[in-house]
Protein backbone atom coordinates (compact mmCIF):
# COMPACT_ATOMS: atom_id res chain seq x y z
CA MET A 1 6.27 -55.46 17.64
CA LYS A 2 8.83 -54.12 20.35
CA SER A 3 6.65 -51.22 21.22
CA LEU A 4 3.78 -53.25 22.25
CA LYS A 5 5.95 -55.45 24.15
CA ILE A 6 7.04 -53.12 26.27
CA PHE A 7 3.77 -51.11 26.58
CA SER A 8 2.67 -54.59 28.19
CA VAL A 9 5.55 -55.13 29.85
CA LEU A 10 5.35 -51.47 32.13
CA CYS A 11 1.93 -51.93 32.72
CA LEU A 12 2.88 -55.02 34.52
CA ALA A 13 5.56 -53.19 35.97
CA VAL A 14 3.15 -50.54 37.02
CA MET A 15 1.07 -52.98 39.29
CA MET A 16 4.11 -54.40 40.53
CA VAL A 17 5.22 -51.28 42.32
CA ILE A 18 2.19 -50.19 43.75
CA GLY A 19 3.31 -49.90 47.51
CA VAL A 20 7.09 -50.06 46.86
CA ASP A 21 9.22 -47.09 48.47
CA THR A 22 9.03 -44.50 46.07
CA ALA A 23 13.05 -43.98 44.81
CA ALA A 24 14.70 -40.66 46.22
CA HIS A 25 15.22 -38.87 42.92
CA ALA A 26 15.35 -35.13 41.60
CA ALA A 27 11.63 -33.11 41.73
CA LYS A 28 9.79 -34.24 38.15
CA SER A 29 6.56 -32.88 37.71
CA LEU A 30 3.71 -33.01 34.97
CA GLU A 31 2.15 -29.96 33.78
CA VAL A 32 -1.12 -29.40 31.59
CA GLY A 33 -0.79 -26.13 29.63
CA THR A 34 -3.86 -23.62 28.77
CA ASP A 35 -5.34 -22.41 25.39
CA ASN A 36 -8.35 -20.14 23.91
CA VAL A 37 -11.08 -21.24 22.19
CA LEU A 38 -14.30 -19.79 20.68
CA ASN A 39 -17.23 -21.41 21.15
CA THR A 40 -18.99 -20.35 17.80
CA GLY A 41 -17.44 -21.70 14.69
CA ASP A 42 -16.20 -24.70 13.26
CA GLU A 43 -14.50 -27.57 14.94
CA SER A 44 -11.14 -26.59 14.41
CA ALA A 45 -12.17 -22.56 16.09
CA ARG A 46 -13.43 -24.76 19.13
CA THR A 47 -10.41 -26.87 19.56
CA ALA A 48 -8.28 -26.63 22.52
CA ASP A 49 -4.73 -27.56 22.06
CA LEU A 50 -3.24 -28.77 25.70
CA HIS A 51 0.42 -29.07 25.96
CA ILE A 52 1.30 -32.16 28.39
CA THR A 53 4.80 -31.51 29.76
CA LEU A 54 6.92 -33.41 31.75
CA LYS A 55 9.53 -31.09 33.74
CA GLY A 56 12.19 -32.56 36.45
CA GLY A 57 14.57 -34.86 34.19
CA PHE A 58 12.36 -37.87 32.51
CA ASN A 59 15.82 -39.61 30.81
CA ASP A 60 14.69 -42.33 33.18
CA VAL A 61 11.34 -42.55 32.78
CA ASN A 62 9.46 -45.16 29.69
CA GLY A 63 6.07 -45.19 31.47
CA LEU A 64 3.14 -42.78 32.52
CA ALA A 65 -0.12 -42.61 33.94
CA PHE A 66 -2.39 -40.01 34.75
CA THR A 67 -5.69 -38.88 34.72
CA LEU A 68 -7.17 -35.36 33.49
CA PHE A 69 -10.66 -34.18 34.62
CA TYR A 70 -12.62 -31.50 32.62
CA ASP A 71 -16.62 -30.30 32.66
CA ARG A 72 -18.11 -32.64 30.57
CA ALA A 73 -21.02 -30.31 30.09
CA VAL A 74 -18.78 -27.73 28.12
CA PHE A 75 -16.31 -30.04 26.53
CA ASP A 76 -15.67 -33.08 24.67
CA PHE A 77 -12.58 -34.81 25.30
CA VAL A 78 -11.21 -35.43 21.34
CA GLY A 79 -8.08 -37.19 21.62
CA LEU A 80 -3.82 -37.24 21.88
CA THR A 81 -1.79 -35.93 19.26
CA GLU A 82 1.91 -35.67 18.99
CA ASP A 83 4.53 -32.78 19.37
CA ILE A 84 7.47 -33.99 19.11
CA ILE A 85 7.52 -37.53 19.91
CA SER A 86 6.02 -40.08 17.38
CA LEU A 87 3.13 -41.80 18.89
CA TYR A 88 0.96 -44.83 17.99
CA ASP A 89 -2.35 -45.51 19.42
CA GLY A 90 -2.84 -48.48 21.73
CA GLY A 91 -6.69 -48.62 21.81
CA THR A 92 -7.30 -49.46 18.04
CA TYR A 93 -4.75 -52.30 18.09
CA ASP A 94 -6.90 -55.15 16.60
CA PRO A 95 -5.09 -58.70 16.92
CA ASP A 96 -7.13 -59.78 14.31
CA ASN A 97 -6.16 -57.20 12.07
CA PRO A 98 -2.43 -56.11 13.72
CA PRO A 99 -0.33 -53.12 11.96
CA ASP A 100 2.21 -53.09 10.07
CA GLU A 101 5.28 -53.98 12.33
CA GLU A 102 7.06 -50.74 11.08
CA ALA A 103 4.32 -48.87 11.46
CA VAL A 104 4.42 -49.55 15.59
CA ALA A 105 8.23 -49.93 15.08
CA SER A 106 8.43 -46.37 14.09
CA SER A 107 6.57 -45.27 17.21
CA ASN A 108 8.19 -44.07 20.22
CA LEU A 109 5.44 -44.12 22.21
CA VAL A 110 2.47 -46.22 22.63
CA TYR A 111 -0.44 -44.61 24.62
CA MET A 112 -3.87 -45.17 25.58
CA ALA A 113 -6.21 -42.73 26.45
CA ASN A 114 -9.62 -43.89 27.98
CA ASP A 115 -12.13 -41.59 27.99
CA LYS A 116 -15.02 -41.93 30.48
CA SER A 117 -17.18 -39.09 28.94
CA ASP A 118 -20.42 -39.57 31.19
CA GLU A 119 -17.79 -39.04 34.27
CA GLY A 120 -15.59 -35.57 33.03
CA ARG A 121 -12.66 -37.97 33.27
CA VAL A 122 -10.18 -39.47 30.98
CA LEU A 123 -7.16 -41.92 31.89
CA ILE A 124 -3.94 -41.66 30.32
CA ALA A 125 -1.69 -44.45 30.34
CA ALA A 126 1.69 -44.61 27.80
CA ALA A 127 4.83 -46.45 27.32
CA ALA A 128 7.88 -46.53 25.29
CA ALA A 129 10.70 -48.75 24.59
CA ASN A 130 13.13 -45.90 25.93
CA PHE A 131 13.56 -43.66 27.99
CA LEU A 132 11.38 -40.52 27.05
CA ALA A 133 14.24 -38.11 26.56
CA ASN A 134 17.87 -38.08 26.46
CA ASP A 135 18.30 -35.40 28.98
CA THR A 136 17.01 -33.14 31.63
CA ASN A 137 15.11 -30.70 29.60
CA ASP A 138 11.48 -30.84 29.90
CA VAL A 139 9.49 -32.63 27.24
CA VAL A 140 6.05 -33.06 25.77
CA PRO A 141 5.16 -36.36 25.11
CA PHE A 142 1.58 -35.35 23.77
CA VAL A 143 -0.91 -33.13 23.24
CA ALA A 144 -4.66 -32.86 24.89
CA GLN A 145 -7.34 -32.02 22.60
CA PHE A 146 -10.74 -30.97 23.87
CA ARG A 147 -13.15 -29.35 21.55
CA VAL A 148 -15.92 -26.78 23.87
CA LYS A 149 -19.48 -27.79 22.72
CA GLU A 150 -21.05 -25.05 20.11
CA GLY A 151 -22.82 -21.95 22.02
CA LEU A 152 -21.38 -23.50 25.54
CA GLY A 153 -18.98 -21.67 27.92
CA ASN A 154 -17.80 -18.70 28.92
CA GLY A 155 -14.62 -17.54 30.74
CA PHE A 156 -11.72 -19.95 32.27
CA TYR A 157 -12.36 -23.84 32.84
CA PRO A 158 -9.77 -25.87 35.05
CA ILE A 159 -8.23 -29.04 33.33
CA ASN A 160 -6.85 -30.96 36.21
CA VAL A 161 -4.90 -33.70 36.59
CA GLN A 162 -4.72 -36.48 39.66
CA ALA A 163 -2.80 -39.94 39.87
CA THR A 164 -4.76 -42.71 38.49
CA ILE A 165 -6.80 -44.87 40.82
CA ILE A 166 -7.70 -48.55 39.98
CA GLY A 167 -9.91 -50.74 42.05
CA PRO A 168 -12.58 -53.56 41.50
CA ASP A 169 -14.07 -52.01 38.90
CA THR A 170 -11.02 -52.04 36.57
CA ALA A 171 -8.22 -54.61 37.32
CA TYR A 172 -10.36 -56.95 40.58
CA ASP A 173 -8.82 -59.92 39.06
CA ALA A 174 -5.19 -58.37 39.54
CA GLY A 175 -6.05 -58.32 43.43
CA TYR A 176 -7.30 -54.55 43.88
CA HIS A 177 -10.17 -55.06 45.78
CA VAL A 178 -10.25 -51.55 47.23
CA TYR A 179 -9.43 -48.63 45.03
CA SER A 180 -5.37 -47.37 45.00
CA PRO A 181 -3.29 -44.66 43.46
CA ILE A 182 -0.33 -45.91 40.82
CA PRO A 183 2.27 -44.11 40.19
CA VAL A 184 2.62 -41.63 37.50
CA ALA A 185 5.93 -42.45 36.45
CA VAL A 186 7.81 -45.68 36.17
CA GLY A 187 11.53 -46.13 34.76
CA LEU A 188 12.23 -49.76 33.35
CA ASP A 189 15.56 -50.41 31.51
CA PRO A 190 13.87 -52.72 28.30
CA ALA A 191 16.49 -55.10 28.87
CA ALA A 192 15.78 -55.66 32.69
CA ASP A 193 13.28 -57.96 34.63
CA PRO A 194 9.87 -56.11 35.55
CA THR A 195 10.51 -56.21 39.25
CA THR A 196 13.68 -54.09 38.58
CA ALA A 197 11.32 -51.03 38.00
CA THR A 198 11.45 -47.75 40.22
CA ASP A 199 8.67 -45.51 40.59
CA PHE A 200 8.88 -41.96 40.47
CA GLU A 201 7.22 -38.95 42.81
CA VAL A 202 5.89 -36.44 41.11
CA GLN A 203 4.10 -33.02 41.17
CA LEU A 204 0.98 -32.83 39.52
CA THR A 205 0.61 -29.08 38.68
CA SER A 206 -2.86 -28.26 38.38
CA VAL A 207 -2.57 -24.72 36.09
CA GLY A 208 -3.80 -26.33 32.97
CA GLY A 209 -7.33 -24.95 31.44
CA ILE A 210 -8.76 -23.63 28.50
CA THR A 211 -10.03 -20.21 27.84
CA VAL A 212 -13.47 -19.78 26.39
CA GLY A 213 -14.94 -16.82 24.58
CA GLY A 214 -16.91 -16.05 21.29
CA GLY A 215 -19.96 -15.20 22.64
CA TYR A 216 -23.21 -17.47 23.31
CA ALA A 217 -25.59 -19.34 20.54
CA ILE A 218 -29.25 -17.43 19.79
CA SER A 219 -30.98 -20.58 22.00
CA GLY A 220 -29.20 -19.15 25.00
CA SER A 221 -29.49 -15.36 24.83
CA VAL A 222 -33.37 -16.37 23.97
CA GLN A 223 -33.85 -18.34 27.28
CA TYR A 224 -32.01 -15.72 29.32
CA GLU A 225 -34.18 -12.92 28.47
CA GLU A 226 -36.89 -15.69 28.78
CA ARG A 227 -35.81 -15.60 32.84
CA LEU A 228 -35.12 -11.88 32.96
CA TYR A 229 -38.63 -11.54 31.86
CA LEU A 230 -40.03 -13.97 34.41
CA VAL A 231 -38.18 -12.90 37.07
CA GLN A 232 -39.57 -8.91 36.23
CA ARG A 233 -43.06 -10.30 35.82
CA ASP A 234 -42.68 -12.13 39.75
CA ARG A 235 -41.19 -8.84 41.16
CA ALA A 236 -44.33 -6.98 39.87
CA LEU A 237 -47.00 -9.53 40.68
CA ARG A 238 -45.44 -8.86 44.58
CA ALA A 239 -45.16 -5.40 44.28
CA SER A 240 -49.28 -5.54 43.32
CA GLU A 241 -49.52 -7.37 46.72
């Protein structure tokens, strides 16, 4: 269960480096991609794949934490899928019925995605036993999927990214009685003590989003025509006064 253990250790490391001076390193950034979908058709046609791209060298990072924001009236968060890094969904872990050790060991990245659908945000944390890359080239740890609700939306909708904030609602017992941002990226040698973890400054580029097309549902057209009729009626009544 090495991957799950390193996930727990890195989560602890993230907590410990809050408030510690950020190390000076080459500029790193996290970018959310774009996609085009239809608001009609089956689920596949309505599902957007947004690549989460890490730039600036993440070959010294093996822990991530960030939050995505989306329009909850138009979209549902579907989940995270693999790009080139194999994934294990830590949210599915059941200690009473643990997964096959080989299945977890074969995954290079353990993650958890906490979707707060009533708020339109999803909190994502991920950790790997090894660093996320072997060099400074761009790397895509996973792809975030959002599905447009049938018949809703038209135009471009941004998917914003921000640092994750913890506080009394999520980490009171850990001593966080006020809300505090946690590092987006943390580096920890797998064999090192958690106190040696380093956090990195990461630029969060909010250029990602989803372009929705495909027309409207019939009910929407009917509602629009009804509103147009009411406007025309009110104008006629005012003109006759």
